[in-house]
Amino acid sequence: MTRLLWLILLAGTPTADAIVIRDDVPDQRYRMAASGFPALADMPVEGHGVLIHPQWVLTAAHAVAWQAQLDAVVVGGTPRAVRRVVIHPGYRQPPQAMVDAALASGDWAAFFDCMAGTDDIALIELAEPVQDIAPVALYRGPALGKTVRILGRGATGTGAQGHGLQATRRTELRQGENLIDVEDGRWIAYTFDAPPYALPLEASIGSGDSGGPILIEVGDEWQLVGVAAWKRGLVEGTALKPGRYGESSLGVRLQHYAEWMARTMGIRPEPARSP
């Protein structure tokens, strides 16, 4: 499997273009300054993570698994040295034969099933605590039906045209919104709706956005409910058409991994909140 294909199929570094936007809303409305979310971490070349503890960055496993060695990540515009990367033991990369068969036939069902059964989450321990940026709190409540904020620097496009496979995966920072319509086990998911059913800043993830934050507003702060993982892209004939209206984007549901994260970081997990 080529790395390019992996980036297209998975949402972020393996999967789609960066933030993909409505075709009837100016791109400028989706742009944002880095100061609007300083806890965003940038991986080398592409992909993201989120600072959730002074010394820990959370990301998607596939955003770091392809890198032979991760020496540093950028948080708040400053490179931060990495001590170690901990990939969930349940993470599995799709076999090359499965990808080749999907490319030849246009039948991606087995691939999507494989992705649905993997634990696509990783933690990055920094060599030193980050002192100048506040970590993001984890969201502990139900996500279904909630409006979420997504953001990233990956490639971009519109829901009408989708995004190209050769698009640059490190662009300007953008943000958008969507509505969680699936909350089950490992995953939360949302659908990229077309106007007139779309939210004012309806968006989806794209290539280079993997590991980026999925946020829910709680009071006067944004809390992290998930990280961008992969997409069920639309297929025409034998061709996968990512970034089009109607596709579903899936994020890692962090509540499912609360105990693993706490154990890995050596802290006591907070209890889940009742709906």
C-alpha atoms as a PDB file:
ATOM      1  CA  MET A   1       0.000   0.000   0.000  1.00  0.00           C
ATOM      2  CA  THR A   2       1.424   3.353  -0.928  1.00  0.00           C
ATOM      3  CA  ARG A   3       1.648   5.969   1.749  1.00  0.00           C
ATOM      4  CA  LEU A   4      -0.363   8.316  -0.476  1.00  0.00           C
ATOM      5  CA  LEU A   5      -3.293   5.925  -0.549  1.00  0.00           C
ATOM      6  CA  TRP A   6      -3.114   5.446   3.192  1.00  0.00           C
ATOM      7  CA  LEU A   7      -3.275   9.193   3.692  1.00  0.00           C
ATOM      8  CA  ILE A   8      -6.302   9.455   1.487  1.00  0.00           C
ATOM      9  CA  LEU A   9      -8.264   6.688   3.081  1.00  0.00           C
ATOM     10  CA  LEU A  10      -7.750   7.530   6.662  1.00  0.00           C
ATOM     11  CA  ALA A  11      -8.508  11.029   7.546  1.00  0.00           C
ATOM     12  CA  GLY A  12      -5.592  12.943   8.390  1.00  0.00           C
ATOM     13  CA  THR A  13      -2.445  11.449   7.597  1.00  0.00           C
ATOM     14  CA  PRO A  14      -3.859   8.405   6.260  1.00  0.00           C
ATOM     15  CA  THR A  15      -6.989   9.741   4.977  1.00  0.00           C
ATOM     16  CA  ALA A  16      -8.524  12.736   3.510  1.00  0.00           C
ATOM     17  CA  ASP A  17      -7.686  16.315   2.621  1.00  0.00           C
ATOM     18  CA  ALA A  18      -7.533  18.839   5.431  1.00  0.00           C
ATOM     19  CA  ILE A  19     -10.658  20.730   6.331  1.00  0.00           C
ATOM     20  CA  VAL A  20     -13.083  20.336   3.427  1.00  0.00           C
ATOM     21  CA  ILE A  21     -15.673  23.106   3.281  1.00  0.00           C
ATOM     22  CA  ARG A  22     -19.044  24.078   1.809  1.00  0.00           C
ATOM     23  CA  ASP A  23     -18.861  25.152  -1.812  1.00  0.00           C
ATOM     24  CA  ASP A  24     -21.207  28.122  -1.204  1.00  0.00           C
ATOM     25  CA  VAL A  25     -19.304  29.686   1.733  1.00  0.00           C
ATOM     26  CA  PRO A  26     -16.108  31.736   1.208  1.00  0.00           C
ATOM     27  CA  ASP A  27     -12.931  29.976   2.291  1.00  0.00           C
ATOM     28  CA  GLN A  28     -11.934  32.994   4.365  1.00  0.00           C
ATOM     29  CA  ARG A  29     -14.759  32.281   6.798  1.00  0.00           C
ATOM     30  CA  TYR A  30     -13.106  28.963   7.658  1.00  0.00           C
ATOM     31  CA  ARG A  31      -9.624  30.402   8.226  1.00  0.00           C
ATOM     32  CA  MET A  32      -8.406  30.854  11.787  1.00  0.00           C
ATOM     33  CA  ALA A  33      -5.322  32.095  13.617  1.00  0.00           C
ATOM     34  CA  ALA A  34      -3.138  29.585  15.444  1.00  0.00           C
ATOM     35  CA  SER A  35      -3.800  31.527  18.643  1.00  0.00           C
ATOM     36  CA  GLY A  36      -7.430  30.366  18.412  1.00  0.00           C
ATOM     37  CA  PHE A  37      -6.349  26.885  19.543  1.00  0.00           C
ATOM     38  CA  PRO A  38      -2.760  26.907  20.836  1.00  0.00           C
ATOM     39  CA  ALA A  39      -2.931  23.283  22.094  1.00  0.00           C
ATOM     40  CA  LEU A  40      -2.893  21.976  18.512  1.00  0.00           C
ATOM     41  CA  ALA A  41       0.209  19.890  17.780  1.00  0.00           C
ATOM     42  CA  ASP A  42       1.693  19.588  14.296  1.00  0.00           C
ATOM     43  CA  MET A  43       3.426  16.365  13.317  1.00  0.00           C
ATOM     44  CA  PRO A  44       6.356  16.481  10.883  1.00  0.00           C
ATOM     45  CA  VAL A  45       5.156  16.800   7.269  1.00  0.00           C
ATOM     46  CA  GLU A  46       1.450  16.247   8.061  1.00  0.00           C
ATOM     47  CA  GLY A  47      -0.992  15.189  10.738  1.00  0.00           C
ATOM     48  CA  HIS A  48      -1.881  16.628  14.124  1.00  0.00           C
ATOM     49  CA  GLY A  49      -2.286  15.913  17.795  1.00  0.00           C
ATOM     50  CA  VAL A  50      -3.632  17.702  20.861  1.00  0.00           C
ATOM     51  CA  LEU A  51      -1.892  18.649  24.094  1.00  0.00           C
ATOM     52  CA  ILE A  52      -4.003  16.997  26.826  1.00  0.00           C
ATOM     53  CA  HIS A  53      -1.454  17.111  29.668  1.00  0.00           C
ATOM     54  CA  PRO A  54       1.673  19.274  30.104  1.00  0.00           C
ATOM     55  CA  GLN A  55       3.820  16.359  28.946  1.00  0.00           C
ATOM     56  CA  TRP A  56       1.460  14.373  26.707  1.00  0.00           C
ATOM     57  CA  VAL A  57       0.055  14.820  23.193  1.00  0.00           C
ATOM     58  CA  LEU A  58      -2.837  12.674  21.977  1.00  0.00           C
ATOM     59  CA  THR A  59      -3.130  11.680  18.313  1.00  0.00           C
ATOM     60  CA  ALA A  60      -4.362   8.984  15.930  1.00  0.00           C
ATOM     61  CA  ALA A  61      -2.095   5.932  15.742  1.00  0.00           C
ATOM     62  CA  HIS A  62      -1.877   6.039  11.970  1.00  0.00           C
ATOM     63  CA  ALA A  63      -0.626   9.649  12.135  1.00  0.00           C
ATOM     64  CA  VAL A  64       2.608   8.467  13.777  1.00  0.00           C
ATOM     65  CA  ALA A  65       2.907   4.738  12.979  1.00  0.00           C
ATOM     66  CA  TRP A  66       4.367   5.357   9.520  1.00  0.00           C
ATOM     67  CA  GLN A  67       7.211   7.495  10.878  1.00  0.00           C
ATOM     68  CA  ALA A  68      10.427   5.599  11.561  1.00  0.00           C
ATOM     69  CA  GLN A  69      11.279   7.976  14.384  1.00  0.00           C
ATOM     70  CA  LEU A  70       9.472  10.957  15.845  1.00  0.00           C
ATOM     71  CA  ASP A  71      11.984  13.353  17.374  1.00  0.00           C
ATOM     72  CA  ALA A  72       9.782  16.418  17.894  1.00  0.00           C
ATOM     73  CA  VAL A  73       6.300  17.846  17.442  1.00  0.00           C
ATOM     74  CA  VAL A  74       5.374  21.520  17.192  1.00  0.00           C
ATOM     75  CA  VAL A  75       3.019  22.922  19.826  1.00  0.00           C
ATOM     76  CA  GLY A  76       2.262  26.629  19.922  1.00  0.00           C
ATOM     77  CA  GLY A  77       4.790  27.264  17.160  1.00  0.00           C
ATOM     78  CA  THR A  78       7.639  25.744  19.182  1.00  0.00           C
ATOM     79  CA  PRO A  79       9.254  22.355  18.508  1.00  0.00           C
ATOM     80  CA  ARG A  80       8.926  20.066  21.539  1.00  0.00           C
ATOM     81  CA  ALA A  81      11.303  17.124  21.891  1.00  0.00           C
ATOM     82  CA  VAL A  82       9.661  13.699  22.077  1.00  0.00           C
ATOM     83  CA  ARG A  83      10.648  11.133  24.710  1.00  0.00           C
ATOM     84  CA  ARG A  84       8.546   8.235  23.394  1.00  0.00           C
ATOM     85  CA  VAL A  85       5.491   7.296  21.338  1.00  0.00           C
ATOM     86  CA  VAL A  86       2.961   4.823  22.753  1.00  0.00           C
ATOM     87  CA  ILE A  87       0.671   3.251  20.150  1.00  0.00           C
ATOM     88  CA  HIS A  88      -2.376   1.365  21.402  1.00  0.00           C
ATOM     89  CA  PRO A  89      -1.694  -2.405  21.246  1.00  0.00           C
ATOM     90  CA  GLY A  90      -4.981  -2.903  19.413  1.00  0.00           C
ATOM     91  CA  TYR A  91      -3.944  -0.789  16.426  1.00  0.00           C
ATOM     92  CA  ARG A  92      -3.792  -2.691  13.132  1.00  0.00           C
ATOM     93  CA  GLN A  93      -2.809  -1.426   9.692  1.00  0.00           C
ATOM     94  CA  PRO A  94      -4.880  -2.787   6.767  1.00  0.00           C
ATOM     95  CA  PRO A  95      -2.978  -5.481   4.795  1.00  0.00           C
ATOM     96  CA  GLN A  96      -1.581  -4.468   1.432  1.00  0.00           C
ATOM     97  CA  ALA A  97      -3.546  -7.249  -0.295  1.00  0.00           C
ATOM     98  CA  MET A  98      -6.808  -5.828   1.039  1.00  0.00           C
ATOM     99  CA  VAL A  99      -6.010  -2.374  -0.331  1.00  0.00           C
ATOM    100  CA  ASP A 100      -4.929  -3.763  -3.706  1.00  0.00           C
ATOM    101  CA  ALA A 101      -8.179  -5.740  -3.991  1.00  0.00           C
ATOM    102  CA  ALA A 102     -10.258  -2.654  -3.160  1.00  0.00           C
ATOM    103  CA  LEU A 103      -8.410  -0.555  -5.730  1.00  0.00           C
ATOM    104  CA  ALA A 104      -8.987  -3.170  -8.408  1.00  0.00           C
ATOM    105  CA  SER A 105     -12.661  -3.874  -7.665  1.00  0.00           C
ATOM    106  CA  GLY A 106     -13.990  -0.652  -6.156  1.00  0.00           C
ATOM    107  CA  ASP A 107     -15.370  -2.690  -3.251  1.00  0.00           C
ATOM    108  CA  TRP A 108     -14.073  -1.049  -0.074  1.00  0.00           C
ATOM    109  CA  ALA A 109     -16.335  -2.888   2.363  1.00  0.00           C
ATOM    110  CA  ALA A 110     -13.590  -5.149   3.746  1.00  0.00           C
ATOM    111  CA  PHE A 111     -11.247  -2.189   4.156  1.00  0.00           C
ATOM    112  CA  PHE A 112     -13.845  -0.136   6.015  1.00  0.00           C
ATOM    113  CA  ASP A 113     -14.660  -3.118   8.238  1.00  0.00           C
ATOM    114  CA  CYS A 114     -10.968  -3.518   9.011  1.00  0.00           C
ATOM    115  CA  MET A 115     -10.665   0.136   9.958  1.00  0.00           C
ATOM    116  CA  ALA A 116     -13.751  -0.048  12.170  1.00  0.00           C
ATOM    117  CA  GLY A 117     -12.124  -2.815  14.214  1.00  0.00           C
ATOM    118  CA  THR A 118      -8.790  -1.147  14.958  1.00  0.00           C
ATOM    119  CA  ASP A 119      -7.759   1.000  17.929  1.00  0.00           C
ATOM    120  CA  ASP A 120      -6.459   4.054  16.098  1.00  0.00           C
ATOM    121  CA  ILE A 121      -5.051   6.007  19.034  1.00  0.00           C
ATOM    122  CA  ALA A 122      -1.584   6.912  20.294  1.00  0.00           C
ATOM    123  CA  LEU A 123       0.031   9.047  22.992  1.00  0.00           C
ATOM    124  CA  ILE A 124       3.247  11.026  22.635  1.00  0.00           C
ATOM    125  CA  GLU A 125       5.267  11.728  25.765  1.00  0.00           C
ATOM    126  CA  LEU A 126       7.266  14.938  25.528  1.00  0.00           C
ATOM    127  CA  ALA A 127      10.764  15.193  26.966  1.00  0.00           C
ATOM    128  CA  GLU A 128       9.782  18.239  29.025  1.00  0.00           C
ATOM    129  CA  PRO A 129       6.419  19.606  30.224  1.00  0.00           C
ATOM    130  CA  VAL A 130       4.901  22.425  28.179  1.00  0.00           C
ATOM    131  CA  GLN A 131       4.762  25.453  30.467  1.00  0.00           C
ATOM    132  CA  ASP A 132       3.399  28.145  28.146  1.00  0.00           C
ATOM    133  CA  ILE A 133       0.227  26.471  26.814  1.00  0.00           C
ATOM    134  CA  ALA A 134      -2.723  25.081  28.741  1.00  0.00           C
ATOM    135  CA  PRO A 135      -3.695  21.460  27.929  1.00  0.00           C
ATOM    136  CA  VAL A 136      -7.207  20.724  26.666  1.00  0.00           C
ATOM    137  CA  ALA A 137      -9.615  18.981  29.019  1.00  0.00           C
ATOM    138  CA  LEU A 138     -11.241  15.728  27.904  1.00  0.00           C
ATOM    139  CA  TYR A 139     -15.004  15.772  27.391  1.00  0.00           C
ATOM    140  CA  ARG A 140     -16.755  13.261  29.670  1.00  0.00           C
ATOM    141  CA  GLY A 141     -20.391  13.472  28.603  1.00  0.00           C
ATOM    142  CA  PRO A 142     -22.477  12.041  25.736  1.00  0.00           C
ATOM    143  CA  ALA A 143     -21.582  13.247  22.235  1.00  0.00           C
ATOM    144  CA  LEU A 144     -24.553  12.106  20.149  1.00  0.00           C
ATOM    145  CA  GLY A 145     -26.441  15.071  18.710  1.00  0.00           C
ATOM    146  CA  LYS A 146     -23.768  17.570  19.757  1.00  0.00           C
ATOM    147  CA  THR A 147     -22.314  20.173  17.409  1.00  0.00           C
ATOM    148  CA  VAL A 148     -18.540  19.793  17.226  1.00  0.00           C
ATOM    149  CA  ARG A 149     -15.677  21.989  16.084  1.00  0.00           C
ATOM    150  CA  ILE A 150     -12.984  20.474  13.867  1.00  0.00           C
ATOM    151  CA  LEU A 151      -9.751  22.041  12.655  1.00  0.00           C
ATOM    152  CA  GLY A 152      -6.549  21.281  10.811  1.00  0.00           C
ATOM    153  CA  ARG A 153      -3.885  22.426   8.378  1.00  0.00           C
ATOM    154  CA  GLY A 154      -4.255  19.662   5.812  1.00  0.00           C
ATOM    155  CA  ALA A 155      -5.323  19.886   2.201  1.00  0.00           C
ATOM    156  CA  THR A 156      -8.632  21.528   1.411  1.00  0.00           C
ATOM    157  CA  GLY A 157     -11.475  21.376  -1.069  1.00  0.00           C
ATOM    158  CA  THR A 158     -15.251  21.713  -1.271  1.00  0.00           C
ATOM    159  CA  GLY A 159     -18.044  19.214  -0.812  1.00  0.00           C
ATOM    160  CA  ALA A 160     -19.159  19.664  -4.410  1.00  0.00           C
ATOM    161  CA  GLN A 161     -15.798  18.716  -5.943  1.00  0.00           C
ATOM    162  CA  GLY A 162     -14.060  16.749  -3.187  1.00  0.00           C
ATOM    163  CA  HIS A 163     -10.287  16.955  -3.019  1.00  0.00           C
ATOM    164  CA  GLY A 164      -7.456  15.788  -5.216  1.00  0.00           C
ATOM    165  CA  LEU A 165      -5.201  12.891  -4.341  1.00  0.00           C
ATOM    166  CA  GLN A 166      -2.072  14.953  -4.959  1.00  0.00           C
ATOM    167  CA  ALA A 167      -3.159  17.974  -2.913  1.00  0.00           C
ATOM    168  CA  THR A 168      -0.718  19.555  -0.473  1.00  0.00           C
ATOM    169  CA  ARG A 169      -1.345  18.228   3.035  1.00  0.00           C
ATOM    170  CA  ARG A 170       0.040  21.164   4.993  1.00  0.00           C
ATOM    171  CA  THR A 171      -1.822  24.389   4.250  1.00  0.00           C
ATOM    172  CA  GLU A 172      -3.398  27.245   6.205  1.00  0.00           C
ATOM    173  CA  LEU A 173      -5.209  26.497   9.445  1.00  0.00           C
ATOM    174  CA  ARG A 174      -8.966  26.128   9.037  1.00  0.00           C
ATOM    175  CA  GLN A 175     -11.876  25.229  11.287  1.00  0.00           C
ATOM    176  CA  GLY A 176     -15.460  24.151  10.733  1.00  0.00           C
ATOM    177  CA  GLU A 177     -18.390  22.448  12.409  1.00  0.00           C
ATOM    178  CA  ASN A 178     -20.535  19.359  12.127  1.00  0.00           C
ATOM    179  CA  LEU A 179     -23.078  17.326  14.066  1.00  0.00           C
ATOM    180  CA  ILE A 180     -22.293  13.985  15.720  1.00  0.00           C
ATOM    181  CA  ASP A 181     -24.770  11.383  14.430  1.00  0.00           C
ATOM    182  CA  VAL A 182     -22.992   8.195  15.599  1.00  0.00           C
ATOM    183  CA  GLU A 183     -21.537   7.406  19.016  1.00  0.00           C
ATOM    184  CA  ASP A 184     -20.666   3.752  19.414  1.00  0.00           C
ATOM    185  CA  GLY A 185     -17.750   1.925  21.020  1.00  0.00           C
ATOM    186  CA  ARG A 186     -14.468   3.138  19.545  1.00  0.00           C
ATOM    187  CA  TRP A 187     -15.990   5.783  17.287  1.00  0.00           C
ATOM    188  CA  ILE A 188     -17.920   8.971  16.949  1.00  0.00           C
ATOM    189  CA  ALA A 189     -18.950  10.056  13.453  1.00  0.00           C
ATOM    190  CA  TYR A 190     -20.585  12.835  11.488  1.00  0.00           C
ATOM    191  CA  THR A 191     -21.909  13.251   7.941  1.00  0.00           C
ATOM    192  CA  PHE A 192     -20.798  15.950   5.517  1.00  0.00           C
ATOM    193  CA  ASP A 193     -24.185  17.391   4.556  1.00  0.00           C
ATOM    194  CA  ALA A 194     -24.833  19.554   1.517  1.00  0.00           C
ATOM    195  CA  PRO A 195     -26.791  22.816   1.568  1.00  0.00           C
ATOM    196  CA  PRO A 196     -29.538  23.550   2.497  1.00  0.00           C
ATOM    197  CA  TYR A 197     -29.230  20.921   5.258  1.00  0.00           C
ATOM    198  CA  ALA A 198     -25.694  21.883   6.252  1.00  0.00           C
ATOM    199  CA  LEU A 199     -24.614  23.918   9.268  1.00  0.00           C
ATOM    200  CA  PRO A 200     -23.416  27.479   8.544  1.00  0.00           C
ATOM    201  CA  LEU A 201     -19.759  26.372   8.612  1.00  0.00           C
ATOM    202  CA  GLU A 202     -20.328  22.682   7.760  1.00  0.00           C
ATOM    203  CA  ALA A 203     -17.032  20.921   7.182  1.00  0.00           C
ATOM    204  CA  SER A 204     -15.249  17.585   7.073  1.00  0.00           C
ATOM    205  CA  ILE A 205     -11.654  16.440   7.469  1.00  0.00           C
ATOM    206  CA  GLY A 206      -9.168  15.802   4.704  1.00  0.00           C
ATOM    207  CA  SER A 207      -5.649  14.466   4.046  1.00  0.00           C
ATOM    208  CA  GLY A 208      -3.275  15.861   6.613  1.00  0.00           C
ATOM    209  CA  ASP A 209      -5.922  16.311   9.327  1.00  0.00           C
ATOM    210  CA  SER A 210      -5.519  12.958  11.069  1.00  0.00           C
ATOM    211  CA  GLY A 211      -5.102  13.236  14.819  1.00  0.00           C
ATOM    212  CA  GLY A 212      -6.657  16.695  14.847  1.00  0.00           C
ATOM    213  CA  PRO A 213      -9.174  17.694  17.523  1.00  0.00           C
ATOM    214  CA  ILE A 214     -12.912  17.122  17.615  1.00  0.00           C
ATOM    215  CA  LEU A 215     -14.189  19.604  20.188  1.00  0.00           C
ATOM    216  CA  ILE A 216     -17.402  20.234  22.115  1.00  0.00           C
ATOM    217  CA  GLU A 217     -18.109  23.575  23.763  1.00  0.00           C
ATOM    218  CA  VAL A 218     -18.777  23.295  27.491  1.00  0.00           C
ATOM    219  CA  GLY A 219     -19.494  26.615  29.146  1.00  0.00           C
ATOM    220  CA  ASP A 220     -16.719  28.969  28.104  1.00  0.00           C
ATOM    221  CA  GLU A 221     -14.197  26.301  27.051  1.00  0.00           C
ATOM    222  CA  TRP A 222     -13.674  23.740  24.308  1.00  0.00           C
ATOM    223  CA  GLN A 223     -13.204  20.162  25.473  1.00  0.00           C
ATOM    224  CA  LEU A 224     -11.797  17.252  23.468  1.00  0.00           C
ATOM    225  CA  VAL A 225     -14.273  14.490  22.623  1.00  0.00           C
ATOM    226  CA  GLY A 226     -12.252  12.788  19.877  1.00  0.00           C
ATOM    227  CA  VAL A 227      -9.449  12.985  17.330  1.00  0.00           C
ATOM    228  CA  ALA A 228      -9.831  12.717  13.554  1.00  0.00           C
ATOM    229  CA  ALA A 229      -9.228   9.214  12.244  1.00  0.00           C
ATOM    230  CA  TRP A 230     -10.704   8.037   8.917  1.00  0.00           C
ATOM    231  CA  LYS A 231     -13.571   8.411   6.464  1.00  0.00           C
ATOM    232  CA  ARG A 232     -16.046   6.265   4.603  1.00  0.00           C
ATOM    233  CA  GLY A 233     -15.543   7.973   1.257  1.00  0.00           C
ATOM    234  CA  LEU A 234     -17.930   7.749  -1.667  1.00  0.00           C
ATOM    235  CA  VAL A 235     -17.049   5.296  -4.449  1.00  0.00           C
ATOM    236  CA  GLU A 236     -17.871   5.793  -8.145  1.00  0.00           C
ATOM    237  CA  GLY A 237     -17.166   2.695 -10.204  1.00  0.00           C
ATOM    238  CA  THR A 238     -13.776   1.585  -8.926  1.00  0.00           C
ATOM    239  CA  ALA A 239     -12.704   5.094  -7.899  1.00  0.00           C
ATOM    240  CA  LEU A 240     -12.802   6.434  -4.352  1.00  0.00           C
ATOM    241  CA  LYS A 241     -14.025  10.048  -4.263  1.00  0.00           C
ATOM    242  CA  PRO A 242     -13.012  11.588  -0.925  1.00  0.00           C
ATOM    243  CA  GLY A 243     -14.257  14.927   0.341  1.00  0.00           C
ATOM    244  CA  ARG A 244     -17.674  14.831  -1.317  1.00  0.00           C
ATOM    245  CA  TYR A 245     -20.968  15.685   0.343  1.00  0.00           C
ATOM    246  CA  GLY A 246     -22.533  12.592   1.869  1.00  0.00           C
ATOM    247  CA  GLU A 247     -19.397  10.916   3.188  1.00  0.00           C
ATOM    248  CA  SER A 248     -19.009   9.995   6.858  1.00  0.00           C
ATOM    249  CA  SER A 249     -16.000  11.014   8.926  1.00  0.00           C
ATOM    250  CA  LEU A 250     -15.037   8.989  11.974  1.00  0.00           C
ATOM    251  CA  GLY A 251     -13.125  10.110  15.023  1.00  0.00           C
ATOM    252  CA  VAL A 252     -11.630   8.141  17.877  1.00  0.00           C
ATOM    253  CA  ARG A 253     -14.113   8.254  20.781  1.00  0.00           C
ATOM    254  CA  LEU A 254     -11.889   9.171  23.693  1.00  0.00           C
ATOM    255  CA  GLN A 255     -14.299   8.070  26.404  1.00  0.00           C
ATOM    256  CA  HIS A 256     -13.799   4.498  25.147  1.00  0.00           C
ATOM    257  CA  TYR A 257     -10.052   4.832  25.818  1.00  0.00           C
ATOM    258  CA  ALA A 258     -10.124   6.816  29.060  1.00  0.00           C
ATOM    259  CA  GLU A 259      -8.624   4.033  31.171  1.00  0.00           C
ATOM    260  CA  TRP A 260      -5.905   3.207  28.654  1.00  0.00           C
ATOM    261  CA  MET A 261      -4.908   6.870  28.387  1.00  0.00           C
ATOM    262  CA  ALA A 262      -4.838   7.336  32.159  1.00  0.00           C
ATOM    263  CA  ARG A 263      -2.818   4.145  32.675  1.00  0.00           C
ATOM    264  CA  THR A 264      -0.320   5.108  29.970  1.00  0.00           C
ATOM    265  CA  MET A 265       0.158   8.602  31.379  1.00  0.00           C
ATOM    266  CA  GLY A 266       0.209   7.348  34.961  1.00  0.00           C
ATOM    267  CA  ILE A 267      -2.738   9.380  36.185  1.00  0.00           C
ATOM    268  CA  ARG A 268      -6.098   8.494  37.721  1.00  0.00           C
ATOM    269  CA  PRO A 269      -8.975   8.499  35.175  1.00  0.00           C
ATOM    270  CA  GLU A 270     -11.914  10.801  35.772  1.00  0.00           C
ATOM    271  CA  PRO A 271     -15.348   9.144  35.966  1.00  0.00           C
ATOM    272  CA  ALA A 272     -17.695   9.484  32.999  1.00  0.00           C
ATOM    273  CA  ARG A 273     -20.568  11.909  33.451  1.00  0.00           C
ATOM    274  CA  SER A 274     -24.165  10.773  33.132  1.00  0.00           C
ATOM    275  CA  PRO A 275     -26.221  12.146  30.224  1.00  0.00           C
END
